[in-house]
Structures are given as structure tokens and as C-alpha cells.
Amino acid sequence: MIVNSPSCQAISFCAELSNETVNGDGSITAGDAGMAFEYVIGFETPDAEEACNADCNGDGTITAGDSWSIFMILFGEGGCIEGIE
């Protein structure tokens, strides 16, 4: 499943809403990657801020790839657009 986030199409909007992490606590953890994956599989529905922060690549959708990218930040690999780093 791909979660579309129409309110998140503009990257500048996401940057304005961002609290740096999916859950907004300012610390990137495996929990942030897990939250993003829960959105993808339909266990949870993100609000606008969570959707923007979970959309790691900024393409307007939340996918397993976004979740993986967030997880890889923990290992110093890769990163996201403004907002999650």
C-alpha cells in the first residue's frame, strides 16, 4: 500500500510543519521508521505533520522505501529531504 499525502505535495509545506522526526520528538529512532511502515501497511493513519515527516524523499507518498531510508539514517547512511534530518 502507498499512502498518498495530498497536503504534503509541496516540500516547503513539509519543511514548515516538520519537527524533525516522524513522531515529532526530535530524535530519529527505529520507532520513526516503524511508524512510517505502519502508515504504509495501513495500521495507522498519519496526520499532516506525520505524513510530511514520514515522506522521506518528498515525493508526496509514504512507501516502504521512505521507512527504509529513515531506518538507514540510524547507521549514518543516506538521509531525507529537509525535515527528517
N, C-alpha and C. Protein backbone atom coordinates (compact mmCIF):
# COMPACT_ATOMS: atom_id res chain seq x y z
N MET A 1 0.84 -1.17 0.00
CA MET A 1 0.00 0.00 0.00
C MET A 1 0.88 1.24 0.00
N ILE A 2 0.48 2.22 -0.77
CA ILE A 2 1.17 3.52 -0.79
C ILE A 2 0.22 4.54 -0.20
N VAL A 3 0.71 5.30 0.76
CA VAL A 3 -0.11 6.32 1.39
C VAL A 3 0.14 7.65 0.68
N ASN A 4 -0.90 8.16 0.04
CA ASN A 4 -0.78 9.48 -0.61
C ASN A 4 -1.05 10.55 0.42
N SER A 5 -0.30 11.59 0.34
CA SER A 5 -0.47 12.70 1.27
C SER A 5 -0.65 13.98 0.47
N PRO A 6 -1.88 14.24 -0.01
CA PRO A 6 -2.08 15.40 -0.86
C PRO A 6 -1.68 16.72 -0.21
N SER A 7 -1.82 16.83 1.09
CA SER A 7 -1.45 18.07 1.77
C SER A 7 0.06 18.23 1.84
N CYS A 8 0.78 17.23 1.41
CA CYS A 8 2.23 17.21 1.55
C CYS A 8 2.93 17.35 0.20
N GLN A 9 2.22 17.70 -0.84
CA GLN A 9 2.82 17.77 -2.17
C GLN A 9 3.92 18.83 -2.25
N ALA A 10 3.76 19.93 -1.53
CA ALA A 10 4.77 20.99 -1.58
C ALA A 10 5.80 20.76 -0.48
N ILE A 11 7.05 20.59 -0.87
CA ILE A 11 8.11 20.33 0.10
C ILE A 11 8.22 21.47 1.09
N SER A 12 7.99 22.70 0.65
CA SER A 12 8.10 23.83 1.58
C SER A 12 7.06 23.71 2.68
N PHE A 13 5.89 23.20 2.37
CA PHE A 13 4.86 22.98 3.38
C PHE A 13 5.35 21.98 4.42
N CYS A 14 5.99 20.92 3.96
CA CYS A 14 6.52 19.91 4.88
C CYS A 14 7.60 20.51 5.76
N ALA A 15 8.45 21.30 5.19
CA ALA A 15 9.53 21.90 5.98
C ALA A 15 8.96 22.82 7.06
N GLU A 16 7.87 23.51 6.75
CA GLU A 16 7.25 24.38 7.74
C GLU A 16 6.65 23.58 8.89
N LEU A 17 6.06 22.41 8.58
CA LEU A 17 5.41 21.61 9.61
C LEU A 17 6.38 20.78 10.43
N SER A 18 7.51 20.47 9.87
CA SER A 18 8.41 19.46 10.42
C SER A 18 8.88 19.73 11.84
N ASN A 19 8.87 18.68 12.64
CA ASN A 19 9.50 18.68 13.95
C ASN A 19 10.71 17.76 13.93
N GLU A 20 11.25 17.50 12.76
CA GLU A 20 12.47 16.75 12.51
C GLU A 20 12.31 15.24 12.45
N THR A 21 11.34 14.66 13.12
CA THR A 21 11.17 13.21 13.10
C THR A 21 9.71 12.86 12.85
N VAL A 22 9.45 11.61 12.50
CA VAL A 22 8.07 11.20 12.22
C VAL A 22 7.18 11.45 13.42
N ASN A 23 7.63 11.08 14.60
CA ASN A 23 6.80 11.26 15.79
C ASN A 23 6.97 12.64 16.43
N GLY A 24 7.86 13.47 15.89
CA GLY A 24 8.00 14.83 16.34
C GLY A 24 8.78 15.04 17.62
N ASP A 25 9.48 14.00 18.11
CA ASP A 25 10.21 14.16 19.37
C ASP A 25 11.64 14.69 19.18
N GLY A 26 12.06 14.88 17.93
CA GLY A 26 13.38 15.44 17.66
C GLY A 26 14.51 14.44 17.66
N SER A 27 14.23 13.17 17.88
CA SER A 27 15.26 12.14 17.91
C SER A 27 14.89 11.02 16.94
N ILE A 28 15.75 10.80 15.95
CA ILE A 28 15.48 9.75 14.97
C ILE A 28 15.81 8.40 15.58
N THR A 29 14.80 7.52 15.61
CA THR A 29 14.98 6.17 16.16
C THR A 29 14.33 5.17 15.21
N ALA A 30 14.51 3.89 15.52
CA ALA A 30 13.85 2.84 14.74
C ALA A 30 12.33 2.99 14.83
N GLY A 31 11.86 3.60 15.91
CA GLY A 31 10.43 3.84 16.06
C GLY A 31 9.87 4.75 14.98
N ASP A 32 10.67 5.72 14.52
CA ASP A 32 10.23 6.59 13.43
C ASP A 32 10.07 5.79 12.14
N ALA A 33 11.02 4.91 11.87
CA ALA A 33 10.92 4.05 10.68
C ALA A 33 9.71 3.13 10.82
N GLY A 34 9.51 2.61 12.02
CA GLY A 34 8.37 1.74 12.27
C GLY A 34 7.04 2.45 12.07
N MET A 35 6.96 3.70 12.55
CA MET A 35 5.74 4.48 12.34
C MET A 35 5.45 4.66 10.86
N ALA A 36 6.49 5.00 10.10
CA ALA A 36 6.31 5.19 8.66
C ALA A 36 5.81 3.90 8.01
N PHE A 37 6.37 2.76 8.43
CA PHE A 37 5.94 1.48 7.86
C PHE A 37 4.50 1.15 8.26
N GLU A 38 4.11 1.51 9.49
CA GLU A 38 2.72 1.29 9.91
C GLU A 38 1.75 2.08 9.03
N TYR A 39 2.16 3.26 8.58
CA TYR A 39 1.32 4.03 7.66
C TYR A 39 1.20 3.29 6.33
N VAL A 40 2.31 2.73 5.86
CA VAL A 40 2.33 2.04 4.58
C VAL A 40 1.41 0.83 4.60
N ILE A 41 1.45 0.05 5.68
CA ILE A 41 0.64 -1.17 5.71
C ILE A 41 -0.78 -0.94 6.24
N GLY A 42 -1.08 0.29 6.61
CA GLY A 42 -2.43 0.64 7.00
C GLY A 42 -2.79 0.43 8.46
N PHE A 43 -1.81 0.17 9.32
CA PHE A 43 -2.09 0.02 10.75
C PHE A 43 -2.43 1.34 11.41
N GLU A 44 -1.86 2.42 10.92
CA GLU A 44 -2.08 3.75 11.47
C GLU A 44 -2.32 4.72 10.31
N THR A 45 -2.98 5.82 10.61
CA THR A 45 -3.19 6.89 9.63
C THR A 45 -2.49 8.14 10.14
N PRO A 46 -1.54 8.66 9.35
CA PRO A 46 -0.79 9.84 9.81
C PRO A 46 -1.60 11.12 9.70
N ASP A 47 -1.32 12.07 10.61
CA ASP A 47 -1.86 13.41 10.42
C ASP A 47 -0.95 14.11 9.41
N ALA A 48 -1.25 15.36 9.08
CA ALA A 48 -0.49 16.07 8.04
C ALA A 48 0.99 16.18 8.39
N GLU A 49 1.32 16.50 9.63
CA GLU A 49 2.71 16.64 10.02
C GLU A 49 3.45 15.30 9.97
N GLU A 50 2.82 14.26 10.49
CA GLU A 50 3.44 12.93 10.46
C GLU A 50 3.65 12.47 9.02
N ALA A 51 2.66 12.74 8.16
CA ALA A 51 2.78 12.34 6.76
C ALA A 51 3.96 13.04 6.09
N CYS A 52 4.10 14.32 6.33
CA CYS A 52 5.22 15.06 5.74
C CYS A 52 6.55 14.51 6.24
N ASN A 53 6.64 14.26 7.52
CA ASN A 53 7.89 13.78 8.08
C ASN A 53 8.20 12.35 7.67
N ALA A 54 7.17 11.53 7.47
CA ALA A 54 7.38 10.14 7.05
C ALA A 54 7.72 10.04 5.56
N ASP A 55 7.35 11.03 4.77
CA ASP A 55 7.63 11.04 3.34
C ASP A 55 9.08 11.49 3.14
N CYS A 56 9.98 10.60 3.41
CA CYS A 56 11.42 10.89 3.46
C CYS A 56 11.95 11.51 2.17
N ASN A 57 11.51 11.01 1.03
CA ASN A 57 12.05 11.53 -0.23
C ASN A 57 11.25 12.69 -0.79
N GLY A 58 10.15 13.05 -0.13
CA GLY A 58 9.40 14.23 -0.54
C GLY A 58 8.61 14.11 -1.81
N ASP A 59 8.25 12.88 -2.21
CA ASP A 59 7.53 12.71 -3.46
C ASP A 59 6.01 12.75 -3.31
N GLY A 60 5.52 12.99 -2.09
CA GLY A 60 4.09 13.09 -1.87
C GLY A 60 3.42 11.79 -1.47
N THR A 61 4.20 10.71 -1.37
CA THR A 61 3.65 9.43 -0.92
C THR A 61 4.57 8.84 0.14
N ILE A 62 3.98 8.03 1.01
CA ILE A 62 4.77 7.32 2.02
C ILE A 62 4.85 5.87 1.57
N THR A 63 6.06 5.37 1.38
CA THR A 63 6.26 4.00 0.92
C THR A 63 7.22 3.28 1.86
N ALA A 64 7.37 1.97 1.62
CA ALA A 64 8.34 1.20 2.39
C ALA A 64 9.75 1.76 2.19
N GLY A 65 10.01 2.34 1.04
CA GLY A 65 11.31 2.95 0.77
C GLY A 65 11.59 4.12 1.70
N ASP A 66 10.55 4.90 2.00
CA ASP A 66 10.71 6.00 2.95
C ASP A 66 11.05 5.45 4.33
N SER A 67 10.34 4.41 4.73
CA SER A 67 10.60 3.78 6.03
C SER A 67 12.04 3.28 6.10
N TRP A 68 12.48 2.63 5.03
CA TRP A 68 13.85 2.10 4.98
C TRP A 68 14.88 3.23 5.04
N SER A 69 14.63 4.30 4.33
CA SER A 69 15.55 5.43 4.34
C SER A 69 15.68 6.04 5.74
N ILE A 70 14.55 6.15 6.44
CA ILE A 70 14.59 6.66 7.81
C ILE A 70 15.40 5.72 8.69
N PHE A 71 15.19 4.42 8.53
CA PHE A 71 15.94 3.42 9.32
C PHE A 71 17.43 3.52 9.05
N MET A 72 17.82 3.72 7.80
CA MET A 72 19.23 3.76 7.44
C MET A 72 19.94 5.00 7.99
N ILE A 73 19.20 6.05 8.30
CA ILE A 73 19.80 7.23 8.93
C ILE A 73 20.46 6.84 10.25
N LEU A 74 19.89 5.86 10.93
CA LEU A 74 20.46 5.40 12.21
C LEU A 74 21.87 4.87 12.05
N PHE A 75 22.18 4.38 10.85
CA PHE A 75 23.50 3.83 10.56
C PHE A 75 24.39 4.81 9.82
N GLY A 76 23.94 6.06 9.73
CA GLY A 76 24.72 7.08 9.06
C GLY A 76 24.71 6.96 7.56
N GLU A 77 23.75 6.24 7.03
CA GLU A 77 23.64 6.03 5.59
C GLU A 77 22.47 6.84 5.05
N GLY A 78 22.70 7.59 4.01
CA GLY A 78 21.61 8.30 3.36
C GLY A 78 21.02 9.41 4.19
N GLY A 79 19.84 9.77 3.85
CA GLY A 79 19.13 10.85 4.52
C GLY A 79 17.86 11.16 3.79
N CYS A 80 17.20 12.19 4.25
CA CYS A 80 15.93 12.60 3.67
C CYS A 80 16.01 14.06 3.25
N ILE A 81 14.93 14.52 2.66
CA ILE A 81 14.82 15.94 2.36
C ILE A 81 14.70 16.70 3.66
N GLU A 82 14.67 18.01 3.61
CA GLU A 82 14.52 18.81 4.82
C GLU A 82 13.40 18.27 5.68
N GLY A 83 13.63 18.27 6.96
CA GLY A 83 12.56 17.88 7.87
C GLY A 83 12.92 16.71 8.74
N ILE A 84 13.47 15.65 8.16
CA ILE A 84 13.74 14.47 8.97
C ILE A 84 15.17 14.44 9.47
N GLU A 85 16.10 15.10 8.80
CA GLU A 85 17.50 15.04 9.23
C GLU A 85 17.76 16.01 10.36
